[in-house]
């Protein structure tokens, strides 16, 4: 089934983002997760959710829910990326 491929790619994208952000600063984590959400997770997850929902309700037009889910996920990823880019460097305090 096509939606299984979409779920798989979204899962692999989340796994790669986790591996790339593990042990990094909060700024780097926001940048990595923002890019991963925009490129790897949001389009494939919205596609899969749309096809799954259309299959459940037995109506092909119901798959158009992906047109609402993708921009929401993309904008969240864009906000995370911009926050990561424009965030100030953290200064460690030594006591």
PDB file of N, CA and C in Angstrom:
ATOM      1  N   UNK A   1       0.831  -1.176   0.000  1.00  0.00           N
ATOM      2  CA  UNK A   1       0.000   0.000   0.000  1.00  0.00           C
ATOM      3  C   UNK A   1       0.881   1.247   0.000  1.00  0.00           C
ATOM      4  N   UNK A   2       0.388   2.263  -0.653  1.00  0.00           N
ATOM      5  CA  UNK A   2       1.164   3.487  -0.826  1.00  0.00           C
ATOM      6  C   UNK A   2       1.347   4.247   0.479  1.00  0.00           C
ATOM      7  N   UNK A   3       0.351   4.202   1.345  1.00  0.00           N
ATOM      8  CA  UNK A   3       0.486   4.986   2.569  1.00  0.00           C
ATOM      9  C   UNK A   3       1.505   4.378   3.523  1.00  0.00           C
ATOM     10  N   UNK A   4       1.782   3.092   3.415  1.00  0.00           N
ATOM     11  CA  UNK A   4       2.811   2.480   4.256  1.00  0.00           C
ATOM     12  C   UNK A   4       4.194   3.031   3.906  1.00  0.00           C
ATOM     13  N   UNK A   5       4.409   3.307   2.625  1.00  0.00           N
ATOM     14  CA  UNK A   5       5.682   3.900   2.204  1.00  0.00           C
ATOM     15  C   UNK A   5       5.824   5.299   2.794  1.00  0.00           C
ATOM     16  N   UNK A   6       4.738   6.067   2.785  1.00  0.00           N
ATOM     17  CA  UNK A   6       4.768   7.413   3.361  1.00  0.00           C
ATOM     18  C   UNK A   6       5.049   7.398   4.847  1.00  0.00           C
ATOM     19  N   UNK A   7       4.398   6.479   5.569  1.00  0.00           N
ATOM     20  CA  UNK A   7       4.679   6.354   7.002  1.00  0.00           C
ATOM     21  C   UNK A   7       6.124   5.944   7.234  1.00  0.00           C
ATOM     22  N   UNK A   8       6.638   5.049   6.403  1.00  0.00           N
ATOM     23  CA  UNK A   8       8.026   4.598   6.543  1.00  0.00           C
ATOM     24  C   UNK A   8       9.020   5.720   6.315  1.00  0.00           C
ATOM     25  N   UNK A   9       8.797   6.522   5.271  1.00  0.00           N
ATOM     26  CA  UNK A   9       9.709   7.630   4.986  1.00  0.00           C
ATOM     27  C   UNK A   9       9.647   8.678   6.099  1.00  0.00           C
ATOM     28  N   UNK A  10       8.450   8.955   6.609  1.00  0.00           N
ATOM     29  CA  UNK A  10       8.321   9.913   7.714  1.00  0.00           C
ATOM     30  C   UNK A  10       9.033   9.395   8.958  1.00  0.00           C
ATOM     31  N   UNK A  11       8.916   8.093   9.225  1.00  0.00           N
ATOM     32  CA  UNK A  11       9.592   7.505  10.381  1.00  0.00           C
ATOM     33  C   UNK A  11      11.106   7.550  10.211  1.00  0.00           C
ATOM     34  N   UNK A  12      11.585   7.232   9.023  1.00  0.00           N
ATOM     35  CA  UNK A  12      13.030   7.278   8.767  1.00  0.00           C
ATOM     36  C   UNK A  12      13.541   8.718   8.874  1.00  0.00           C
ATOM     37  N   UNK A  13      12.755   9.687   8.388  1.00  0.00           N
ATOM     38  CA  UNK A  13      13.145  11.091   8.513  1.00  0.00           C
ATOM     39  C   UNK A  13      13.241  11.524   9.963  1.00  0.00           C
ATOM     40  N   UNK A  14      12.293  11.078  10.796  1.00  0.00           N
ATOM     41  CA  UNK A  14      12.348  11.404  12.220  1.00  0.00           C
ATOM     42  C   UNK A  14      13.528  10.719  12.892  1.00  0.00           C
ATOM     43  N   UNK A  15      13.822   9.500  12.484  1.00  0.00           N
ATOM     44  CA  UNK A  15      14.953   8.774  13.045  1.00  0.00           C
ATOM     45  C   UNK A  15      16.280   9.436  12.686  1.00  0.00           C
ATOM     46  N   UNK A  16      16.420   9.874  11.447  1.00  0.00           N
ATOM     47  CA  UNK A  16      17.643  10.561  11.015  1.00  0.00           C
ATOM     48  C   UNK A  16      17.786  11.898  11.739  1.00  0.00           C
ATOM     49  N   UNK A  17      16.673  12.629  11.893  1.00  0.00           N
ATOM     50  CA  UNK A  17      16.732  13.903  12.613  1.00  0.00           C
ATOM     51  C   UNK A  17      17.124  13.687  14.064  1.00  0.00           C
ATOM     52  N   UNK A  18      16.618  12.624  14.660  1.00  0.00           N
ATOM     53  CA  UNK A  18      16.996  12.320  16.042  1.00  0.00           C
ATOM     54  C   UNK A  18      18.489  12.021  16.145  1.00  0.00           C
ATOM     55  N   UNK A  19      18.994  11.228  15.219  1.00  0.00           N
ATOM     56  CA  UNK A  19      20.420  10.885  15.247  1.00  0.00           C
ATOM     57  C   UNK A  19      21.296  12.115  15.025  1.00  0.00           C
ATOM     58  N   UNK A  20      20.880  13.006  14.143  1.00  0.00           N
ATOM     59  CA  UNK A  20      21.672  14.206  13.857  1.00  0.00           C
ATOM     60  C   UNK A  20      21.625  15.231  14.985  1.00  0.00           C
ATOM     61  N   UNK A  21      20.556  15.203  15.787  1.00  0.00           N
ATOM     62  CA  UNK A  21      20.420  16.214  16.830  1.00  0.00           C
ATOM     63  C   UNK A  21      20.814  15.709  18.216  1.00  0.00           C
ATOM     64  N   UNK A  22      21.124  14.444  18.326  1.00  0.00           N
ATOM     65  CA  UNK A  22      21.464  13.888  19.639  1.00  0.00           C
ATOM     66  C   UNK A  22      22.802  14.449  20.111  1.00  0.00           C
ATOM     67  N   UNK A  23      22.814  15.038  21.302  1.00  0.00           N
ATOM     68  CA  UNK A  23      24.031  15.573  21.897  1.00  0.00           C
ATOM     69  C   UNK A  23      24.416  16.949  21.387  1.00  0.00           C
ATOM     70  N   UNK A  24      23.569  17.607  20.634  1.00  0.00           N
ATOM     71  CA  UNK A  24      23.870  18.931  20.086  1.00  0.00           C
ATOM     72  C   UNK A  24      23.212  20.008  20.946  1.00  0.00           C
ATOM     73  N   UNK A  25      23.512  21.255  20.635  1.00  0.00           N
ATOM     74  CA  UNK A  25      22.907  22.364  21.363  1.00  0.00           C
ATOM     75  C   UNK A  25      21.445  22.518  20.957  1.00  0.00           C
ATOM     76  N   UNK A  26      20.706  23.268  21.761  1.00  0.00           N
ATOM     77  CA  UNK A  26      19.291  23.479  21.487  1.00  0.00           C
ATOM     78  C   UNK A  26      19.098  24.198  20.156  1.00  0.00           C
ATOM     79  N   UNK A  27      19.987  25.118  19.834  1.00  0.00           N
ATOM     80  CA  UNK A  27      19.924  25.840  18.562  1.00  0.00           C
ATOM     81  C   UNK A  27      20.063  24.871  17.391  1.00  0.00           C
ATOM     82  N   UNK A  28      21.038  23.977  17.461  1.00  0.00           N
ATOM     83  CA  UNK A  28      21.262  22.994  16.388  1.00  0.00           C
ATOM     84  C   UNK A  28      20.092  22.018  16.280  1.00  0.00           C
ATOM     85  N   UNK A  29      19.518  21.633  17.427  1.00  0.00           N
ATOM     86  CA  UNK A  29      18.369  20.729  17.415  1.00  0.00           C
ATOM     87  C   UNK A  29      17.176  21.362  16.713  1.00  0.00           C
ATOM     88  N   UNK A  30      16.927  22.650  16.985  1.00  0.00           N
ATOM     89  CA  UNK A  30      15.812  23.331  16.331  1.00  0.00           C
ATOM     90  C   UNK A  30      16.018  23.414  14.824  1.00  0.00           C
ATOM     91  N   UNK A  31      17.231  23.667  14.392  1.00  0.00           N
ATOM     92  CA  UNK A  31      17.516  23.752  12.961  1.00  0.00           C
ATOM     93  C   UNK A  31      17.325  22.392  12.298  1.00  0.00           C
ATOM     94  N   UNK A  32      17.868  21.348  12.893  1.00  0.00           N
ATOM     95  CA  UNK A  32      17.766  20.002  12.310  1.00  0.00           C
ATOM     96  C   UNK A  32      16.316  19.530  12.260  1.00  0.00           C
ATOM     97  N   UNK A  33      15.582  19.705  13.360  1.00  0.00           N
ATOM     98  CA  UNK A  33      14.200  19.255  13.382  1.00  0.00           C
ATOM     99  C   UNK A  33      13.307  20.103  12.482  1.00  0.00           C
ATOM    100  N   UNK A  34      13.602  21.384  12.339  1.00  0.00           N
ATOM    101  CA  UNK A  34      12.836  22.216  11.423  1.00  0.00           C
ATOM    102  C   UNK A  34      12.995  21.772   9.988  1.00  0.00           C
ATOM    103  N   UNK A  35      14.232  21.505   9.584  1.00  0.00           N
ATOM    104  CA  UNK A  35      14.480  21.029   8.214  1.00  0.00           C
ATOM    105  C   UNK A  35      13.857  19.657   8.001  1.00  0.00           C
ATOM    106  N   UNK A  36      14.017  18.779   8.976  1.00  0.00           N
ATOM    107  CA  UNK A  36      13.450  17.429   8.841  1.00  0.00           C
ATOM    108  C   UNK A  36      11.930  17.470   8.760  1.00  0.00           C
ATOM    109  N   UNK A  37      11.319  18.334   9.535  1.00  0.00           N
ATOM    110  CA  UNK A  37       9.862  18.436   9.508  1.00  0.00           C
ATOM    111  C   UNK A  37       9.366  18.985   8.179  1.00  0.00           C
ATOM    112  N   UNK A  38      10.073  19.950   7.630  1.00  0.00           N
ATOM    113  CA  UNK A  38       9.648  20.537   6.360  1.00  0.00           C
ATOM    114  C   UNK A  38       9.882  19.608   5.181  1.00  0.00           C
ATOM    115  N   UNK A  39      10.998  18.881   5.186  1.00  0.00           N
ATOM    116  CA  UNK A  39      11.400  18.110   4.006  1.00  0.00           C
ATOM    117  C   UNK A  39      10.979  16.647   4.087  1.00  0.00           C
ATOM    118  N   UNK A  40      11.180  16.012   5.224  1.00  0.00           N
ATOM    119  CA  UNK A  40      11.011  14.567   5.286  1.00  0.00           C
ATOM    120  C   UNK A  40       9.746  14.113   6.006  1.00  0.00           C
ATOM    121  N   UNK A  41       9.290  14.848   6.977  1.00  0.00           N
ATOM    122  CA  UNK A  41       8.187  14.343   7.790  1.00  0.00           C
ATOM    123  C   UNK A  41       6.833  14.861   7.303  1.00  0.00           C
ATOM    124  N   UNK A  42       6.675  16.146   7.179  1.00  0.00           N
ATOM    125  CA  UNK A  42       5.375  16.738   6.886  1.00  0.00           C
ATOM    126  C   UNK A  42       4.762  16.284   5.551  1.00  0.00           C
ATOM    127  N   UNK A  43       5.491  16.313   4.433  1.00  0.00           N
ATOM    128  CA  UNK A  43       4.825  15.912   3.186  1.00  0.00           C
ATOM    129  C   UNK A  43       4.416  14.443   3.163  1.00  0.00           C
ATOM    130  N   UNK A  44       5.276  13.576   3.646  1.00  0.00           N
ATOM    131  CA  UNK A  44       4.976  12.147   3.592  1.00  0.00           C
ATOM    132  C   UNK A  44       3.941  11.746   4.627  1.00  0.00           C
ATOM    133  N   UNK A  45       3.983  12.362   5.796  1.00  0.00           N
ATOM    134  CA  UNK A  45       2.998  12.046   6.824  1.00  0.00           C
ATOM    135  C   UNK A  45       1.613  12.547   6.427  1.00  0.00           C
ATOM    136  N   UNK A  46       1.532  13.744   5.864  1.00  0.00           N
ATOM    137  CA  UNK A  46       0.223  14.247   5.437  1.00  0.00           C
ATOM    138  C   UNK A  46      -0.346  13.406   4.295  1.00  0.00           C
ATOM    139  N   UNK A  47       0.511  12.960   3.374  1.00  0.00           N
ATOM    140  CA  UNK A  47       0.076  12.085   2.289  1.00  0.00           C
ATOM    141  C   UNK A  47      -0.486  10.776   2.841  1.00  0.00           C
ATOM    142  N   UNK A  48       0.234  10.197   3.780  1.00  0.00           N
ATOM    143  CA  UNK A  48      -0.185   8.912   4.342  1.00  0.00           C
ATOM    144  C   UNK A  48      -1.454   9.031   5.175  1.00  0.00           C
ATOM    145  N   UNK A  49      -1.543  10.080   5.956  1.00  0.00           N
ATOM    146  CA  UNK A  49      -2.748  10.281   6.760  1.00  0.00           C
ATOM    147  C   UNK A  49      -3.946  10.526   5.854  1.00  0.00           C
ATOM    148  N   UNK A  50      -3.759  11.299   4.785  1.00  0.00           N
ATOM    149  CA  UNK A  50      -4.849  11.548   3.844  1.00  0.00           C
ATOM    150  C   UNK A  50      -5.325  10.276   3.166  1.00  0.00           C
ATOM    151  N   UNK A  51      -4.402   9.443   2.717  1.00  0.00           N
ATOM    152  CA  UNK A  51      -4.803   8.186   2.078  1.00  0.00           C
ATOM    153  C   UNK A  51      -5.431   7.215   3.067  1.00  0.00           C
ATOM    154  N   UNK A  52      -4.910   7.181   4.286  1.00  0.00           N
ATOM    155  CA  UNK A  52      -5.494   6.309   5.303  1.00  0.00           C
ATOM    156  C   UNK A  52      -6.916   6.733   5.629  1.00  0.00           C
ATOM    157  N   UNK A  53      -7.136   8.029   5.786  1.00  0.00           N
ATOM    158  CA  UNK A  53      -8.472   8.528   6.085  1.00  0.00           C
ATOM    159  C   UNK A  53      -9.427   8.260   4.931  1.00  0.00           C
ATOM    160  N   UNK A  54      -8.969   8.446   3.699  1.00  0.00           N
ATOM    161  CA  UNK A  54      -9.815   8.177   2.534  1.00  0.00           C
ATOM    162  C   UNK A  54     -10.160   6.695   2.449  1.00  0.00           C
ATOM    163  N   UNK A  55      -9.229   5.830   2.799  1.00  0.00           N
ATOM    164  CA  UNK A  55      -9.489   4.395   2.793  1.00  0.00           C
ATOM    165  C   UNK A  55     -10.505   4.007   3.857  1.00  0.00           C
ATOM    166  N   UNK A  56     -10.408   4.649   5.024  1.00  0.00           N
ATOM    167  CA  UNK A  56     -11.320   4.316   6.125  1.00  0.00           C
ATOM    168  C   UNK A  56     -12.746   4.742   5.806  1.00  0.00           C
ATOM    169  N   UNK A  57     -12.927   5.955   5.274  1.00  0.00           N
ATOM    170  CA  UNK A  57     -14.287   6.451   5.012  1.00  0.00           C
ATOM    171  C   UNK A  57     -14.789   6.056   3.628  1.00  0.00           C
ATOM    172  N   UNK A  58     -13.944   5.399   2.838  1.00  0.00           N
ATOM    173  CA  UNK A  58     -14.310   4.916   1.501  1.00  0.00           C
ATOM    174  C   UNK A  58     -14.747   6.037   0.566  1.00  0.00           C
ATOM    175  N   UNK A  59     -14.033   7.158   0.646  1.00  0.00           N
ATOM    176  CA  UNK A  59     -14.318   8.292  -0.227  1.00  0.00           C
ATOM    177  C   UNK A  59     -12.991   8.890  -0.666  1.00  0.00           C
ATOM    178  N   UNK A  60     -12.746   8.905  -1.968  1.00  0.00           N
ATOM    179  CA  UNK A  60     -11.489   9.423  -2.485  1.00  0.00           C
ATOM    180  C   UNK A  60     -11.283  10.899  -2.227  1.00  0.00           C
ATOM    181  N   UNK A  61     -12.386  11.646  -2.171  1.00  0.00           N
ATOM    182  CA  UNK A  61     -12.266  13.081  -1.928  1.00  0.00           C
ATOM    183  C   UNK A  61     -11.812  13.393  -0.508  1.00  0.00           C
ATOM    184  N   UNK A  62     -11.959  12.443   0.385  1.00  0.00           N
ATOM    185  CA  UNK A  62     -11.521  12.656   1.769  1.00  0.00           C
ATOM    186  C   UNK A  62     -10.005  12.751   1.861  1.00  0.00           C
ATOM    187  N   UNK A  63      -9.300  12.255   0.844  1.00  0.00           N
ATOM    188  CA  UNK A  63      -7.837  12.325   0.860  1.00  0.00           C
ATOM    189  C   UNK A  63      -7.337  13.753   0.738  1.00  0.00           C
ATOM    190  N   UNK A  64      -8.213  14.669   0.368  1.00  0.00           N
ATOM    191  CA  UNK A  64      -7.801  16.068   0.254  1.00  0.00           C
ATOM    192  C   UNK A  64      -7.509  16.708   1.598  1.00  0.00           C
ATOM    193  N   UNK A  65      -7.712  15.959   2.681  1.00  0.00           N
ATOM    194  CA  UNK A  65      -7.326  16.473   3.990  1.00  0.00           C
ATOM    195  C   UNK A  65      -5.827  16.730   4.045  1.00  0.00           C
ATOM    196  N   UNK A  66      -5.078  16.043   3.174  1.00  0.00           N
ATOM    197  CA  UNK A  66      -3.626  16.260   3.145  1.00  0.00           C
ATOM    198  C   UNK A  66      -3.287  17.683   2.730  1.00  0.00           C
ATOM    199  N   UNK A  67      -4.165  18.338   1.999  1.00  0.00           N
ATOM    200  CA  UNK A  67      -3.935  19.732   1.599  1.00  0.00           C
ATOM    201  C   UNK A  67      -4.029  20.669   2.792  1.00  0.00           C
ATOM    202  N   UNK A  68      -4.656  20.224   3.871  1.00  0.00           N
ATOM    203  CA  UNK A  68      -4.700  21.018   5.104  1.00  0.00           C
ATOM    204  C   UNK A  68      -3.583  20.635   6.063  1.00  0.00           C
ATOM    205  N   UNK A  69      -3.227  19.366   6.074  1.00  0.00           N
ATOM    206  CA  UNK A  69      -2.215  18.902   7.018  1.00  0.00           C
ATOM    207  C   UNK A  69      -0.806  19.328   6.627  1.00  0.00           C
ATOM    208  N   UNK A  70      -0.497  19.298   5.331  1.00  0.00           N
ATOM    209  CA  UNK A  70       0.857  19.627   4.898  1.00  0.00           C
ATOM    210  C   UNK A  70       1.260  21.058   5.228  1.00  0.00           C
ATOM    211  N   UNK A  71       0.443  22.080   4.916  1.00  0.00           N
ATOM    212  CA  UNK A  71       0.880  23.443   5.269  1.00  0.00           C
ATOM    213  C   UNK A  71       1.045  23.662   6.765  1.00  0.00           C
ATOM    214  N   UNK A  72       0.221  23.006   7.571  1.00  0.00           N
ATOM    215  CA  UNK A  72       0.358  23.156   9.020  1.00  0.00           C
ATOM    216  C   UNK A  72       1.710  22.611   9.486  1.00  0.00           C
ATOM    217  N   UNK A  73       2.052  21.407   9.039  1.00  0.00           N
ATOM    218  CA  UNK A  73       3.339  20.821   9.412  1.00  0.00           C
ATOM    219  C   UNK A  73       4.509  21.599   8.849  1.00  0.00           C
ATOM    220  N   UNK A  74       4.370  22.094   7.619  1.00  0.00           N
ATOM    221  CA  UNK A  74       5.451  22.851   6.994  1.00  0.00           C
ATOM    222  C   UNK A  74       5.695  24.162   7.728  1.00  0.00           C
ATOM    223  N   UNK A  75       4.636  24.847   8.112  1.00  0.00           N
ATOM    224  CA  UNK A  75       4.781  26.120   8.821  1.00  0.00           C
ATOM    225  C   UNK A  75       5.385  25.903  10.206  1.00  0.00           C
ATOM    226  N   UNK A  76       4.996  24.823  10.876  1.00  0.00           N
ATOM    227  CA  UNK A  76       5.608  24.519  12.176  1.00  0.00           C
ATOM    228  C   UNK A  76       7.100  24.264  12.009  1.00  0.00           C
ATOM    229  N   UNK A  77       7.486  23.521  10.965  1.00  0.00           N
ATOM    230  CA  UNK A  77       8.896  23.279  10.691  1.00  0.00           C
ATOM    231  C   UNK A  77       9.642  24.553  10.339  1.00  0.00           C
ATOM    232  N   UNK A  78       9.004  25.435   9.566  1.00  0.00           N
ATOM    233  CA  UNK A  78       9.627  26.707   9.207  1.00  0.00           C
ATOM    234  C   UNK A  78       9.845  27.581  10.433  1.00  0.00           C
ATOM    235  N   UNK A  79       8.878  27.601  11.339  1.00  0.00           N
ATOM    236  CA  UNK A  79       9.021  28.373  12.571  1.00  0.00           C
ATOM    237  C   UNK A  79      10.154  27.809  13.417  1.00  0.00           C
ATOM    238  N   UNK A  80      10.243  26.482  13.514  1.00  0.00           N
ATOM    239  CA  UNK A  80      11.336  25.873  14.273  1.00  0.00           C
ATOM    240  C   UNK A  80      12.684  26.217  13.653  1.00  0.00           C
ATOM    241  N   UNK A  81      12.768  26.182  12.343  1.00  0.00           N
ATOM    242  CA  UNK A  81      14.019  26.515  11.656  1.00  0.00           C
ATOM    243  C   UNK A  81      14.401  27.965  11.900  1.00  0.00           C
ATOM    244  N   UNK A  82      13.456  28.874  11.778  1.00  0.00           N
ATOM    245  CA  UNK A  82      13.761  30.298  11.977  1.00  0.00           C
ATOM    246  C   UNK A  82      14.126  30.602  13.421  1.00  0.00           C
ATOM    247  N   UNK A  83      13.466  29.960  14.371  1.00  0.00           N
ATOM    248  CA  UNK A  83      13.826  30.152  15.778  1.00  0.00           C
ATOM    249  C   UNK A  83      15.243  29.642  16.014  1.00  0.00           C
ATOM    250  N   UNK A  84      15.588  28.516  15.410  1.00  0.00           N
ATOM    251  CA  UNK A  84      16.933  27.977  15.556  1.00  0.00           C
ATOM    252  C   UNK A  84      17.988  28.855  14.925  1.00  0.00           C
ATOM    253  N   UNK A  85      17.672  29.475  13.798  1.00  0.00           N
ATOM    254  CA  UNK A  85      18.639  30.339  13.117  1.00  0.00           C
ATOM    255  C   UNK A  85      18.873  31.623  13.896  1.00  0.00           C
ATOM    256  N   UNK A  86      17.807  32.233  14.367  1.00  0.00           N
ATOM    257  CA  UNK A  86      17.925  33.544  14.999  1.00  0.00           C
ATOM    258  C   UNK A  86      18.079  33.493  16.519  1.00  0.00           C
ATOM    259  N   UNK A  87      18.199  32.310  17.086  1.00  0.00           N
ATOM    260  CA  UNK A  87      18.382  32.196  18.524  1.00  0.00           C
ATOM    261  C   UNK A  87      19.809  32.587  18.896  1.00  0.00           C
ATOM    262  N   UNK A  88      19.932  33.292  19.997  1.00  0.00           N
ATOM    263  CA  UNK A  88      21.270  33.711  20.474  1.00  0.00           C
ATOM    264  C   UNK A  88      21.999  32.499  21.009  1.00  0.00           C
ATOM    265  N   UNK A  89      23.330  32.588  20.964  1.00  0.00           N
ATOM    266  CA  UNK A  89      24.142  31.509  21.510  1.00  0.00           C
ATOM    267  C   UNK A  89      23.979  31.463  23.024  1.00  0.00           C
ATOM    268  N   UNK A  90      23.960  30.248  23.544  1.00  0.00           N
ATOM    269  CA  UNK A  90      23.860  30.074  24.977  1.00  0.00           C
ATOM    270  C   UNK A  90      25.217  30.267  25.620  1.00  0.00           C
ATOM    271  N   UNK A  91      25.245  31.018  26.695  1.00  0.00           N
ATOM    272  CA  UNK A  91      26.492  31.282  27.414  1.00  0.00           C
ATOM    273  C   UNK A  91      26.465  30.483  28.709  1.00  0.00           C
ATOM    274  N   UNK A  92      27.499  29.681  28.910  1.00  0.00           N
ATOM    275  CA  UNK A  92      27.567  28.877  30.121  1.00  0.00           C
ATOM    276  C   UNK A  92      28.097  29.726  31.273  1.00  0.00           C
ATOM    277  N   UNK A  93      27.431  29.622  32.401  1.00  0.00           N
ATOM    278  CA  UNK A  93      27.869  30.349  33.591  1.00  0.00           C
ATOM    279  C   UNK A  93      28.693  29.381  34.457  1.00  0.00           C
ATOM    280  N   UNK A  94      29.876  29.827  34.811  1.00  0.00           N
ATOM    281  CA  UNK A  94      30.741  29.025  35.660  1.00  0.00           C
ATOM    282  C   UNK A  94      30.737  29.653  37.043  1.00  0.00           C
ATOM    283  N   UNK A  95      30.382  28.866  38.048  1.00  0.00           N
ATOM    284  CA  UNK A  95      30.316  29.402  39.404  1.00  0.00           C
ATOM    285  C   UNK A  95      31.433  28.902  40.240  1.00  0.00           C
TER     286      UNK A  95
END
